[in-house]
Amino acid sequence: MDRNLALEFVRVTEAAAIAASKWIGKGDGKKADGAAVDEMRSRFNQIDFKGVVVIGEGQKDEAPELYTGEKVGLGWKNSNHPGLSGHPSLKRRGDSVFDLAVDPLECTDSVAYGRYNAIAVIAAGARGSLLSAPDTYMEKLAAGPKAAKVIKMGAPVKLNIERTAKALGKKVGDVTVCIMDRERHKDLIGQVRKIGARVRLITDGDVAGGIATCMPESGIDLLMGIGASAEAVLAATAIKILGGQIFARFNPMKEAHHQLLKKAGLNDKKIYSVNDLAKGQTLTFTATGIIDGPLLQGVRVEGSYIITHSIVIRGQSGTIRYITTHHKEK
């Protein structure tokens, strides 16, 4: 992917993060989500490229969304827009279509109630590189590069933790497992604690938790549990570039979710690896923090400036860029 396009996506996540941050702690997740969605869509449509949303959020919880199949970007309008015809950058990008996985507000409840960890995030790649799926749930297991080859979905929790400990050169008691704090994970949390490993509970969204397994300084060694399908693809994009592994299997919780999967021709028995979720070397991952979390600092206001903290991970070069931006308040 064009490195300039990858960096332009930062402006998109920054705008979504700033819009969502205005709703921190105000108790209205739908309005926070809607503000982020509207800003992300608007900013996408100011960029000279062609994008198709192949997986997003919204269906399972009836939240605002950038819908699956939605086309964004100025490139789609190039042939009908005399002011853009002949633009050199559109000639370069306009003939190529990019897959997009998006979550304008990852961790809606965190923003609504002022909790830890929320980001605005985009994963992108060449057409066909990202798994296209309905917005439902998936069981997930993720680890960083050192443990990527030893974890196995379906293996006992104890075995995955022991193998990870050995790969990392740690004692089992020093392994930290990131799990969303949900009733459905009560048994899983109990198993991890019984083994003697550490549990890091997060209140919402597991994109940052999955990617954190690839960053030793995060203190997170494994991600386990059930979360959104869009978040599996988003996390997989960064995890693949960083050399880690994520396994995921659809875990629909309602009959309507089963029907969505059936309609899409997807198998809820199949175990998807990182290479099934995100393919090739054209991948990019872009995120901006909304509230402080394991991956990024959140939006801050200092005087007349709004300060954002973002990350851009690019597959072709393997670069990781951290970007701090000072936006002049209007």
C-alpha atoms as a PDB file:
ATOM      1  CA  MET A   1       0.000   0.000   0.000  1.00  0.00           C
ATOM      2  CA  ASP A   2       1.129   3.541  -0.797  1.00  0.00           C
ATOM      3  CA  ARG A   3       2.846   4.836   2.352  1.00  0.00           C
ATOM      4  CA  ASN A   4       1.213   8.247   1.916  1.00  0.00           C
ATOM      5  CA  LEU A   5      -2.234   6.643   1.871  1.00  0.00           C
ATOM      6  CA  ALA A   6      -1.402   4.724   5.039  1.00  0.00           C
ATOM      7  CA  LEU A   7      -0.463   7.972   6.728  1.00  0.00           C
ATOM      8  CA  GLU A   8      -3.595   9.723   5.441  1.00  0.00           C
ATOM      9  CA  PHE A   9      -5.639   7.187   7.372  1.00  0.00           C
ATOM     10  CA  VAL A  10      -4.179   8.720  10.546  1.00  0.00           C
ATOM     11  CA  ARG A  11      -6.189  11.858   9.848  1.00  0.00           C
ATOM     12  CA  VAL A  12      -9.295   9.676   9.655  1.00  0.00           C
ATOM     13  CA  THR A  13      -8.724   7.935  12.997  1.00  0.00           C
ATOM     14  CA  GLU A  14      -7.671  11.214  14.628  1.00  0.00           C
ATOM     15  CA  ALA A  15     -10.923  12.871  13.558  1.00  0.00           C
ATOM     16  CA  ALA A  16     -13.023   9.923  14.765  1.00  0.00           C
ATOM     17  CA  ALA A  17     -11.169   9.815  18.096  1.00  0.00           C
ATOM     18  CA  ILE A  18     -11.607  13.541  18.720  1.00  0.00           C
ATOM     19  CA  ALA A  19     -15.326  13.330  17.889  1.00  0.00           C
ATOM     20  CA  ALA A  20     -15.824  10.382  20.257  1.00  0.00           C
ATOM     21  CA  SER A  21     -13.763  11.989  23.031  1.00  0.00           C
ATOM     22  CA  LYS A  22     -16.317  14.774  23.386  1.00  0.00           C
ATOM     23  CA  TRP A  23     -18.713  12.143  24.802  1.00  0.00           C
ATOM     24  CA  ILE A  24     -16.373  10.637  27.400  1.00  0.00           C
ATOM     25  CA  GLY A  25     -18.236   9.912  30.622  1.00  0.00           C
ATOM     26  CA  LYS A  26     -21.547  11.368  29.439  1.00  0.00           C
ATOM     27  CA  GLY A  27     -23.358   8.029  29.506  1.00  0.00           C
ATOM     28  CA  ASP A  28     -24.490   7.954  25.875  1.00  0.00           C
ATOM     29  CA  GLY A  29     -22.583   5.345  23.874  1.00  0.00           C
ATOM     30  CA  LYS A  30     -24.838   5.620  20.813  1.00  0.00           C
ATOM     31  CA  LYS A  31     -24.114   9.323  20.390  1.00  0.00           C
ATOM     32  CA  ALA A  32     -20.388   8.770  20.943  1.00  0.00           C
ATOM     33  CA  ASP A  33     -20.400   5.976  18.355  1.00  0.00           C
ATOM     34  CA  GLY A  34     -22.481   8.021  15.924  1.00  0.00           C
ATOM     35  CA  ALA A  35     -20.143  11.012  16.175  1.00  0.00           C
ATOM     36  CA  ALA A  36     -17.117   8.810  15.469  1.00  0.00           C
ATOM     37  CA  VAL A  37     -18.836   7.030  12.549  1.00  0.00           C
ATOM     38  CA  ASP A  38     -19.938  10.293  10.921  1.00  0.00           C
ATOM     39  CA  GLU A  39     -16.459  11.785  11.209  1.00  0.00           C
ATOM     40  CA  MET A  40     -14.717   8.655   9.904  1.00  0.00           C
ATOM     41  CA  ARG A  41     -17.042   8.416   6.897  1.00  0.00           C
ATOM     42  CA  SER A  42     -16.619  12.118   6.110  1.00  0.00           C
ATOM     43  CA  ARG A  43     -12.812  11.962   6.301  1.00  0.00           C
ATOM     44  CA  PHE A  44     -12.608   8.783   4.198  1.00  0.00           C
ATOM     45  CA  ASN A  45     -14.567  10.586   1.498  1.00  0.00           C
ATOM     46  CA  GLN A  46     -11.972  13.358   1.386  1.00  0.00           C
ATOM     47  CA  ILE A  47      -9.161  10.943   0.442  1.00  0.00           C
ATOM     48  CA  ASP A  48      -8.325  10.096  -3.169  1.00  0.00           C
ATOM     49  CA  PHE A  49      -8.651   6.308  -3.013  1.00  0.00           C
ATOM     50  CA  LYS A  50     -11.267   3.572  -3.405  1.00  0.00           C
ATOM     51  CA  GLY A  51     -12.203   1.647  -0.271  1.00  0.00           C
ATOM     52  CA  VAL A  52     -14.789  -1.023   0.496  1.00  0.00           C
ATOM     53  CA  VAL A  53     -15.764  -1.825   4.082  1.00  0.00           C
ATOM     54  CA  VAL A  54     -15.565  -5.628   4.307  1.00  0.00           C
ATOM     55  CA  ILE A  55     -16.219  -5.885   8.035  1.00  0.00           C
ATOM     56  CA  GLY A  56     -17.403  -3.324  10.575  1.00  0.00           C
ATOM     57  CA  GLU A  57     -19.477  -3.059  13.733  1.00  0.00           C
ATOM     58  CA  GLY A  58     -23.083  -2.200  14.427  1.00  0.00           C
ATOM     59  CA  GLN A  59     -25.359  -5.098  13.433  1.00  0.00           C
ATOM     60  CA  LYS A  60     -25.083  -7.190  16.578  1.00  0.00           C
ATOM     61  CA  ASP A  61     -25.848  -4.298  18.930  1.00  0.00           C
ATOM     62  CA  GLU A  62     -27.788  -2.009  16.556  1.00  0.00           C
ATOM     63  CA  ALA A  63     -25.176   0.713  16.905  1.00  0.00           C
ATOM     64  CA  PRO A  64     -24.342   3.287  14.215  1.00  0.00           C
ATOM     65  CA  GLU A  65     -21.966   1.775  11.681  1.00  0.00           C
ATOM     66  CA  LEU A  66     -19.986   1.994   8.503  1.00  0.00           C
ATOM     67  CA  TYR A  67     -21.818  -0.911   6.897  1.00  0.00           C
ATOM     68  CA  THR A  68     -20.287  -3.948   5.219  1.00  0.00           C
ATOM     69  CA  GLY A  69     -20.136  -3.278   1.494  1.00  0.00           C
ATOM     70  CA  GLU A  70     -20.081   0.506   1.875  1.00  0.00           C
ATOM     71  CA  LYS A  71     -17.821   2.276  -0.618  1.00  0.00           C
ATOM     72  CA  VAL A  72     -15.765   5.232   0.587  1.00  0.00           C
ATOM     73  CA  GLY A  73     -13.175   7.518  -0.997  1.00  0.00           C
ATOM     74  CA  LEU A  74     -12.995  10.115  -3.763  1.00  0.00           C
ATOM     75  CA  GLY A  75     -11.737   7.512  -6.230  1.00  0.00           C
ATOM     76  CA  TRP A  76     -15.261   6.193  -6.779  1.00  0.00           C
ATOM     77  CA  LYS A  77     -16.336   9.648  -8.000  1.00  0.00           C
ATOM     78  CA  ASN A  78     -13.316  10.310 -10.192  1.00  0.00           C
ATOM     79  CA  SER A  79     -14.963   9.527 -13.529  1.00  0.00           C
ATOM     80  CA  ASN A  80     -17.932  11.786 -12.734  1.00  0.00           C
ATOM     81  CA  HIS A  81     -15.967  14.640 -11.203  1.00  0.00           C
ATOM     82  CA  PRO A  82     -14.335  16.887 -13.831  1.00  0.00           C
ATOM     83  CA  GLY A  83     -12.336  18.671 -11.157  1.00  0.00           C
ATOM     84  CA  LEU A  84     -10.544  15.431 -10.243  1.00  0.00           C
ATOM     85  CA  SER A  85     -10.046  13.838 -13.657  1.00  0.00           C
ATOM     86  CA  GLY A  86      -6.375  13.800 -14.480  1.00  0.00           C
ATOM     87  CA  HIS A  87      -5.300  14.236 -10.876  1.00  0.00           C
ATOM     88  CA  PRO A  88      -1.986  12.291 -10.742  1.00  0.00           C
ATOM     89  CA  SER A  89      -2.631  10.688  -7.365  1.00  0.00           C
ATOM     90  CA  LEU A  90      -6.042   9.445  -8.511  1.00  0.00           C
ATOM     91  CA  LYS A  91      -4.461   7.865 -11.564  1.00  0.00           C
ATOM     92  CA  ARG A  92      -2.145   6.006  -9.223  1.00  0.00           C
ATOM     93  CA  ARG A  93      -4.719   4.920  -6.612  1.00  0.00           C
ATOM     94  CA  GLY A  94      -8.032   5.153  -8.436  1.00  0.00           C
ATOM     95  CA  ASP A  95      -7.796   1.860 -10.288  1.00  0.00           C
ATOM     96  CA  SER A  96      -7.034  -0.122  -7.146  1.00  0.00           C
ATOM     97  CA  VAL A  97      -9.696  -1.052  -4.592  1.00  0.00           C
ATOM     98  CA  PHE A  98      -8.760  -1.548  -0.946  1.00  0.00           C
ATOM     99  CA  ASP A  99     -10.425  -3.697   1.700  1.00  0.00           C
ATOM    100  CA  LEU A 100     -11.221  -1.858   4.926  1.00  0.00           C
ATOM    101  CA  ALA A 101     -12.000  -3.217   8.381  1.00  0.00           C
ATOM    102  CA  VAL A 102     -13.128  -0.419  10.648  1.00  0.00           C
ATOM    103  CA  ASP A 103     -14.223   0.435  14.139  1.00  0.00           C
ATOM    104  CA  PRO A 104     -14.666   4.199  14.524  1.00  0.00           C
ATOM    105  CA  LEU A 105     -15.148   3.686  18.271  1.00  0.00           C
ATOM    106  CA  GLU A 106     -13.689   0.507  19.708  1.00  0.00           C
ATOM    107  CA  CYS A 107     -14.956   0.214  23.306  1.00  0.00           C
ATOM    108  CA  THR A 108     -18.145   2.263  23.162  1.00  0.00           C
ATOM    109  CA  ASP A 109     -19.051   1.679  26.808  1.00  0.00           C
ATOM    110  CA  SER A 110     -15.580   2.746  27.907  1.00  0.00           C
ATOM    111  CA  VAL A 111     -16.201   6.153  26.356  1.00  0.00           C
ATOM    112  CA  ALA A 112     -19.790   6.377  27.607  1.00  0.00           C
ATOM    113  CA  TYR A 113     -18.786   5.659  31.201  1.00  0.00           C
ATOM    114  CA  GLY A 114     -15.252   7.046  31.247  1.00  0.00           C
ATOM    115  CA  ARG A 115     -13.500   3.688  31.587  1.00  0.00           C
ATOM    116  CA  TYR A 116     -10.022   2.538  30.545  1.00  0.00           C
ATOM    117  CA  ASN A 117      -9.091   1.760  26.919  1.00  0.00           C
ATOM    118  CA  ALA A 118     -10.793   3.045  23.744  1.00  0.00           C
ATOM    119  CA  ILE A 119      -9.450   3.608  20.220  1.00  0.00           C
ATOM    120  CA  ALA A 120     -10.539   4.542  16.691  1.00  0.00           C
ATOM    121  CA  VAL A 121      -9.099   1.981  14.290  1.00  0.00           C
ATOM    122  CA  ILE A 122      -8.721   1.063  10.609  1.00  0.00           C
ATOM    123  CA  ALA A 123      -7.148  -1.984   8.975  1.00  0.00           C
ATOM    124  CA  ALA A 124      -6.599  -1.901   5.217  1.00  0.00           C
ATOM    125  CA  GLY A 125      -5.164  -4.051   2.460  1.00  0.00           C
ATOM    126  CA  ALA A 126      -5.459  -4.971  -1.195  1.00  0.00           C
ATOM    127  CA  ARG A 127      -8.825  -6.285  -2.364  1.00  0.00           C
ATOM    128  CA  GLY A 128      -9.415  -9.749  -0.946  1.00  0.00           C
ATOM    129  CA  SER A 129      -6.826  -9.436   1.806  1.00  0.00           C
ATOM    130  CA  LEU A 130      -9.215  -9.069   4.770  1.00  0.00           C
ATOM    131  CA  LEU A 131     -11.860 -11.567   5.863  1.00  0.00           C
ATOM    132  CA  SER A 132     -15.313 -10.265   4.983  1.00  0.00           C
ATOM    133  CA  ALA A 133     -17.879 -11.342   7.549  1.00  0.00           C
ATOM    134  CA  PRO A 134     -21.044 -10.244   9.358  1.00  0.00           C
ATOM    135  CA  ASP A 135     -20.814  -8.401  12.654  1.00  0.00           C
ATOM    136  CA  THR A 136     -21.095 -11.227  15.161  1.00  0.00           C
ATOM    137  CA  TYR A 137     -18.876 -12.937  17.756  1.00  0.00           C
ATOM    138  CA  MET A 138     -15.731 -15.053  17.587  1.00  0.00           C
ATOM    139  CA  GLU A 139     -13.759 -17.088  20.098  1.00  0.00           C
ATOM    140  CA  LYS A 140     -10.135 -15.868  20.056  1.00  0.00           C
ATOM    141  CA  LEU A 141      -6.663 -16.898  21.127  1.00  0.00           C
ATOM    142  CA  ALA A 142      -3.701 -14.601  20.434  1.00  0.00           C
ATOM    143  CA  ALA A 143       0.002 -14.538  21.267  1.00  0.00           C
ATOM    144  CA  GLY A 144       3.104 -12.613  20.263  1.00  0.00           C
ATOM    145  CA  PRO A 145       5.965 -13.804  18.012  1.00  0.00           C
ATOM    146  CA  LYS A 146       7.762 -15.971  20.587  1.00  0.00           C
ATOM    147  CA  ALA A 147       4.667 -18.016  21.394  1.00  0.00           C
ATOM    148  CA  ALA A 148       3.031 -17.836  17.945  1.00  0.00           C
ATOM    149  CA  LYS A 149       3.920 -21.423  17.012  1.00  0.00           C
ATOM    150  CA  VAL A 150       3.037 -23.093  20.317  1.00  0.00           C
ATOM    151  CA  ILE A 151      -0.542 -21.950  20.981  1.00  0.00           C
ATOM    152  CA  LYS A 152      -3.472 -23.939  19.621  1.00  0.00           C
ATOM    153  CA  MET A 153      -7.176 -23.157  19.678  1.00  0.00           C
ATOM    154  CA  GLY A 154      -9.059 -26.068  21.189  1.00  0.00           C
ATOM    155  CA  ALA A 155      -6.151 -27.107  23.394  1.00  0.00           C
ATOM    156  CA  PRO A 156      -6.730 -26.941  27.162  1.00  0.00           C
ATOM    157  CA  VAL A 157      -6.220 -23.508  28.715  1.00  0.00           C
ATOM    158  CA  LYS A 158      -3.555 -24.974  30.994  1.00  0.00           C
ATOM    159  CA  LEU A 159      -1.563 -26.337  28.048  1.00  0.00           C
ATOM    160  CA  ASN A 160      -1.642 -23.058  26.098  1.00  0.00           C
ATOM    161  CA  ILE A 161      -0.433 -21.149  29.141  1.00  0.00           C
ATOM    162  CA  GLU A 162       2.317 -23.657  29.925  1.00  0.00           C
ATOM    163  CA  ARG A 163       3.530 -23.642  26.325  1.00  0.00           C
ATOM    164  CA  THR A 164       3.512 -19.849  26.274  1.00  0.00           C
ATOM    165  CA  ALA A 165       5.445 -19.669  29.534  1.00  0.00           C
ATOM    166  CA  LYS A 166       8.120 -21.989  28.134  1.00  0.00           C
ATOM    167  CA  ALA A 167       8.359 -20.041  24.853  1.00  0.00           C
ATOM    168  CA  LEU A 168       8.743 -16.760  26.727  1.00  0.00           C
ATOM    169  CA  GLY A 169      11.149 -18.118  29.310  1.00  0.00           C
ATOM    170  CA  LYS A 170       8.725 -17.291  32.127  1.00  0.00           C
ATOM    171  CA  LYS A 171       7.198 -19.115  35.040  1.00  0.00           C
ATOM    172  CA  VAL A 172       3.505 -19.960  34.613  1.00  0.00           C
ATOM    173  CA  GLY A 173       2.760 -17.621  37.503  1.00  0.00           C
ATOM    174  CA  ASP A 174       4.285 -14.724  35.560  1.00  0.00           C
ATOM    175  CA  VAL A 175       2.205 -15.217  32.412  1.00  0.00           C
ATOM    176  CA  THR A 176      -0.523 -12.571  31.999  1.00  0.00           C
ATOM    177  CA  VAL A 177      -3.717 -13.395  30.109  1.00  0.00           C
ATOM    178  CA  CYS A 178      -5.945 -10.572  28.846  1.00  0.00           C
ATOM    179  CA  ILE A 179      -9.675 -11.403  29.027  1.00  0.00           C
ATOM    180  CA  MET A 180     -12.790  -9.265  28.662  1.00  0.00           C
ATOM    181  CA  ASP A 181     -14.697  -8.959  31.922  1.00  0.00           C
ATOM    182  CA  ARG A 182     -17.883 -10.766  30.907  1.00  0.00           C
ATOM    183  CA  GLU A 183     -20.138 -13.336  32.562  1.00  0.00           C
ATOM    184  CA  ARG A 184     -19.478 -15.667  29.636  1.00  0.00           C
ATOM    185  CA  HIS A 185     -15.799 -15.756  30.645  1.00  0.00           C
ATOM    186  CA  LYS A 186     -16.376 -16.744  34.271  1.00  0.00           C
ATOM    187  CA  ASP A 187     -15.186 -20.317  33.721  1.00  0.00           C
ATOM    188  CA  LEU A 188     -12.214 -19.225  31.596  1.00  0.00           C
ATOM    189  CA  ILE A 189     -11.074 -16.726  34.223  1.00  0.00           C
ATOM    190  CA  GLY A 190     -11.403 -19.407  36.892  1.00  0.00           C
ATOM    191  CA  GLN A 191      -9.251 -21.820  34.878  1.00  0.00           C
ATOM    192  CA  VAL A 192      -6.494 -19.256  34.358  1.00  0.00           C
ATOM    193  CA  ARG A 193      -6.439 -18.396  38.056  1.00  0.00           C
ATOM    194  CA  LYS A 194      -6.447 -22.054  39.070  1.00  0.00           C
ATOM    195  CA  ILE A 195      -3.338 -22.638  36.977  1.00  0.00           C
ATOM    196  CA  GLY A 196      -1.676 -19.760  38.803  1.00  0.00           C
ATOM    197  CA  ALA A 197      -1.331 -17.375  35.852  1.00  0.00           C
ATOM    198  CA  ARG A 198      -2.250 -13.700  36.024  1.00  0.00           C
ATOM    199  CA  VAL A 199      -5.477 -12.246  34.624  1.00  0.00           C
ATOM    200  CA  ARG A 200      -5.746  -8.751  33.134  1.00  0.00           C
ATOM    201  CA  LEU A 201      -9.447  -7.932  32.804  1.00  0.00           C
ATOM    202  CA  ILE A 202     -10.609  -5.343  30.273  1.00  0.00           C
ATOM    203  CA  THR A 203     -14.084  -3.868  30.274  1.00  0.00           C
ATOM    204  CA  ASP A 204     -14.574  -3.596  26.508  1.00  0.00           C
ATOM    205  CA  GLY A 205     -13.050  -4.336  23.122  1.00  0.00           C
ATOM    206  CA  ASP A 206     -10.095  -6.647  22.623  1.00  0.00           C
ATOM    207  CA  VAL A 207      -8.234  -5.150  19.631  1.00  0.00           C
ATOM    208  CA  ALA A 208      -5.647  -3.443  21.819  1.00  0.00           C
ATOM    209  CA  GLY A 209      -5.409  -6.498  24.080  1.00  0.00           C
ATOM    210  CA  GLY A 210      -4.677  -8.787  21.145  1.00  0.00           C
ATOM    211  CA  ILE A 211      -2.022  -6.511  19.672  1.00  0.00           C
ATOM    212  CA  ALA A 212      -0.456  -5.973  23.097  1.00  0.00           C
ATOM    213  CA  THR A 213       0.659  -9.633  23.074  1.00  0.00           C
ATOM    214  CA  CYS A 214       3.159  -8.620  20.370  1.00  0.00           C
ATOM    215  CA  MET A 215       4.593  -5.802  22.485  1.00  0.00           C
ATOM    216  CA  PRO A 216       6.681  -7.086  25.410  1.00  0.00           C
ATOM    217  CA  GLU A 217       6.462  -3.764  27.244  1.00  0.00           C
ATOM    218  CA  SER A 218       2.659  -4.137  27.477  1.00  0.00           C
ATOM    219  CA  GLY A 219       2.906  -6.920  30.058  1.00  0.00           C
ATOM    220  CA  ILE A 220       0.249  -8.981  28.236  1.00  0.00           C
ATOM    221  CA  ASP A 221       1.276 -12.432  26.986  1.00  0.00           C
ATOM    222  CA  LEU A 222      -1.979 -14.001  25.777  1.00  0.00           C
ATOM    223  CA  LEU A 223      -5.460 -12.921  24.749  1.00  0.00           C
ATOM    224  CA  MET A 224      -8.314 -15.371  25.349  1.00  0.00           C
ATOM    225  CA  GLY A 225     -12.092 -15.219  25.155  1.00  0.00           C
ATOM    226  CA  ILE A 226     -15.046 -14.296  22.959  1.00  0.00           C
ATOM    227  CA  GLY A 227     -15.364 -10.906  21.290  1.00  0.00           C
ATOM    228  CA  ALA A 228     -16.550  -9.201  18.127  1.00  0.00           C
ATOM    229  CA  SER A 229     -15.653 -10.554  14.691  1.00  0.00           C
ATOM    230  CA  ALA A 230     -14.620  -7.130  13.366  1.00  0.00           C
ATOM    231  CA  GLU A 231     -12.156  -6.824  16.221  1.00  0.00           C
ATOM    232  CA  ALA A 232     -10.625 -10.189  15.286  1.00  0.00           C
ATOM    233  CA  VAL A 233      -9.828  -8.934  11.772  1.00  0.00           C
ATOM    234  CA  LEU A 234      -8.598  -5.565  13.021  1.00  0.00           C
ATOM    235  CA  ALA A 235      -6.282  -7.151  15.570  1.00  0.00           C
ATOM    236  CA  ALA A 236      -5.129  -9.824  13.107  1.00  0.00           C
ATOM    237  CA  THR A 237      -3.877  -7.184  10.684  1.00  0.00           C
ATOM    238  CA  ALA A 238      -1.457  -5.730  13.214  1.00  0.00           C
ATOM    239  CA  ILE A 239      -0.606  -9.105  14.769  1.00  0.00           C
ATOM    240  CA  LYS A 240       0.336 -10.532  11.354  1.00  0.00           C
ATOM    241  CA  ILE A 241       2.669  -7.618  10.581  1.00  0.00           C
ATOM    242  CA  LEU A 242       4.248  -7.913  14.033  1.00  0.00           C
ATOM    243  CA  GLY A 243       4.846 -11.664  13.640  1.00  0.00           C
ATOM    244  CA  GLY A 244       2.314 -12.945  16.179  1.00  0.00           C
ATOM    245  CA  GLN A 245      -0.595 -15.356  15.865  1.00  0.00           C
ATOM    246  CA  ILE A 246      -4.324 -15.118  16.425  1.00  0.00           C
ATOM    247  CA  PHE A 247      -6.798 -17.969  16.035  1.00  0.00           C
ATOM    248  CA  ALA A 248     -10.516 -17.249  15.804  1.00  0.00           C
ATOM    249  CA  ARG A 249     -13.709 -19.260  15.388  1.00  0.00           C
ATOM    250  CA  PHE A 250     -17.215 -17.870  14.918  1.00  0.00           C
ATOM    251  CA  ASN A 251     -19.320 -18.141  18.051  1.00  0.00           C
ATOM    252  CA  PRO A 252     -22.762 -16.747  17.137  1.00  0.00           C
ATOM    253  CA  MET A 253     -24.931 -16.120  20.192  1.00  0.00           C
ATOM    254  CA  LYS A 254     -28.298 -15.708  18.466  1.00  0.00           C
ATOM    255  CA  GLU A 255     -30.118 -17.520  15.680  1.00  0.00           C
ATOM    256  CA  ALA A 256     -29.974 -14.307  13.655  1.00  0.00           C
ATOM    257  CA  HIS A 257     -26.178 -14.472  13.828  1.00  0.00           C
ATOM    258  CA  HIS A 258     -26.238 -18.075  12.573  1.00  0.00           C
ATOM    259  CA  GLN A 259     -28.343 -16.955   9.627  1.00  0.00           C
ATOM    260  CA  LEU A 260     -25.970 -14.089   8.806  1.00  0.00           C
ATOM    261  CA  LEU A 261     -23.051 -16.516   8.713  1.00  0.00           C
ATOM    262  CA  LYS A 262     -24.997 -18.986   6.587  1.00  0.00           C
ATOM    263  CA  LYS A 263     -25.962 -16.242   4.143  1.00  0.00           C
ATOM    264  CA  ALA A 264     -22.310 -15.170   3.903  1.00  0.00           C
ATOM    265  CA  GLY A 265     -21.225 -18.780   3.276  1.00  0.00           C
ATOM    266  CA  LEU A 266     -19.025 -18.874   6.370  1.00  0.00           C
ATOM    267  CA  ASN A 267     -18.336 -21.911   8.536  1.00  0.00           C
ATOM    268  CA  ASP A 268     -18.837 -21.529  12.288  1.00  0.00           C
ATOM    269  CA  LYS A 269     -16.755 -24.677  12.880  1.00  0.00           C
ATOM    270  CA  LYS A 270     -13.635 -23.520  11.054  1.00  0.00           C
ATOM    271  CA  ILE A 271     -10.665 -22.195  12.998  1.00  0.00           C
ATOM    272  CA  TYR A 272      -9.257 -19.138  11.236  1.00  0.00           C
ATOM    273  CA  SER A 273      -5.569 -18.343  11.668  1.00  0.00           C
ATOM    274  CA  VAL A 274      -3.955 -14.926  11.346  1.00  0.00           C
ATOM    275  CA  ASN A 275      -3.272 -15.682   7.660  1.00  0.00           C
ATOM    276  CA  ASP A 276      -6.951 -16.414   7.049  1.00  0.00           C
ATOM    277  CA  LEU A 277      -8.067 -13.181   8.681  1.00  0.00           C
ATOM    278  CA  ALA A 278      -5.467 -10.898   7.054  1.00  0.00           C
ATOM    279  CA  LYS A 279      -3.545 -11.932   3.916  1.00  0.00           C
ATOM    280  CA  GLY A 280      -0.550 -10.615   2.010  1.00  0.00           C
ATOM    281  CA  GLN A 281       1.985  -7.854   2.558  1.00  0.00           C
ATOM    282  CA  THR A 282      -0.072  -4.803   1.560  1.00  0.00           C
ATOM    283  CA  LEU A 283      -1.665  -4.547   5.005  1.00  0.00           C
ATOM    284  CA  THR A 284      -1.720  -1.465   7.197  1.00  0.00           C
ATOM    285  CA  PHE A 285      -3.075  -0.880  10.689  1.00  0.00           C
ATOM    286  CA  THR A 286      -3.899   2.598  11.954  1.00  0.00           C
ATOM    287  CA  ALA A 287      -5.331   3.578  15.344  1.00  0.00           C
ATOM    288  CA  THR A 288      -5.738   6.687  17.484  1.00  0.00           C
ATOM    289  CA  GLY A 289      -6.316   6.561  21.218  1.00  0.00           C
ATOM    290  CA  ILE A 290      -9.531   7.975  22.669  1.00  0.00           C
ATOM    291  CA  ILE A 291      -8.987   6.943  26.300  1.00  0.00           C
ATOM    292  CA  ASP A 292      -5.672   5.630  27.673  1.00  0.00           C
ATOM    293  CA  GLY A 293      -5.173   1.888  27.113  1.00  0.00           C
ATOM    294  CA  PRO A 294      -2.488  -0.771  26.658  1.00  0.00           C
ATOM    295  CA  LEU A 295      -1.731   0.428  23.124  1.00  0.00           C
ATOM    296  CA  LEU A 296      -2.106   4.222  23.102  1.00  0.00           C
ATOM    297  CA  GLN A 297      -2.711   7.310  25.201  1.00  0.00           C
ATOM    298  CA  GLY A 298      -6.080   8.984  24.835  1.00  0.00           C
ATOM    299  CA  VAL A 299      -7.172  12.393  23.554  1.00  0.00           C
ATOM    300  CA  ARG A 300      -6.081  15.313  25.699  1.00  0.00           C
ATOM    301  CA  VAL A 301      -6.928  19.022  25.676  1.00  0.00           C
ATOM    302  CA  GLU A 302      -4.155  21.412  26.632  1.00  0.00           C
ATOM    303  CA  GLY A 303      -4.876  25.100  26.246  1.00  0.00           C
ATOM    304  CA  SER A 304      -5.996  25.761  22.687  1.00  0.00           C
ATOM    305  CA  TYR A 305      -4.770  22.385  21.384  1.00  0.00           C
ATOM    306  CA  ILE A 306      -6.262  18.905  21.215  1.00  0.00           C
ATOM    307  CA  ILE A 307      -3.491  16.303  21.429  1.00  0.00           C
ATOM    308  CA  THR A 308      -3.861  12.864  19.850  1.00  0.00           C
ATOM    309  CA  HIS A 309      -1.635   9.776  19.971  1.00  0.00           C
ATOM    310  CA  SER A 310      -1.700   7.343  17.038  1.00  0.00           C
ATOM    311  CA  ILE A 311       0.070   4.268  15.691  1.00  0.00           C
ATOM    312  CA  VAL A 312       0.616   3.225  12.074  1.00  0.00           C
ATOM    313  CA  ILE A 313       1.916  -0.292  11.328  1.00  0.00           C
ATOM    314  CA  ARG A 314       2.769  -0.989   7.686  1.00  0.00           C
ATOM    315  CA  GLY A 315       3.161  -4.502   6.312  1.00  0.00           C
ATOM    316  CA  GLN A 316       5.423  -3.866   3.332  1.00  0.00           C
ATOM    317  CA  SER A 317       8.124  -2.158   5.361  1.00  0.00           C
ATOM    318  CA  GLY A 318       7.340  -3.553   8.811  1.00  0.00           C
ATOM    319  CA  THR A 319       7.594  -0.054  10.254  1.00  0.00           C
ATOM    320  CA  ILE A 320       5.794   1.009  13.415  1.00  0.00           C
ATOM    321  CA  ARG A 321       5.200   4.739  13.680  1.00  0.00           C
ATOM    322  CA  TYR A 322       3.906   6.492  16.771  1.00  0.00           C
ATOM    323  CA  ILE A 323       2.478   9.897  15.916  1.00  0.00           C
ATOM    324  CA  THR A 324       1.627  12.669  18.366  1.00  0.00           C
ATOM    325  CA  THR A 325      -0.397  15.480  16.799  1.00  0.00           C
ATOM    326  CA  HIS A 326      -1.380  18.869  18.199  1.00  0.00           C
ATOM    327  CA  HIS A 327      -4.657  20.024  16.631  1.00  0.00           C
ATOM    328  CA  LYS A 328      -5.519  23.704  16.962  1.00  0.00           C
ATOM    329  CA  GLU A 329      -9.032  23.995  18.373  1.00  0.00           C
ATOM    330  CA  LYS A 330     -11.399  25.858  16.100  1.00  0.00           C
END
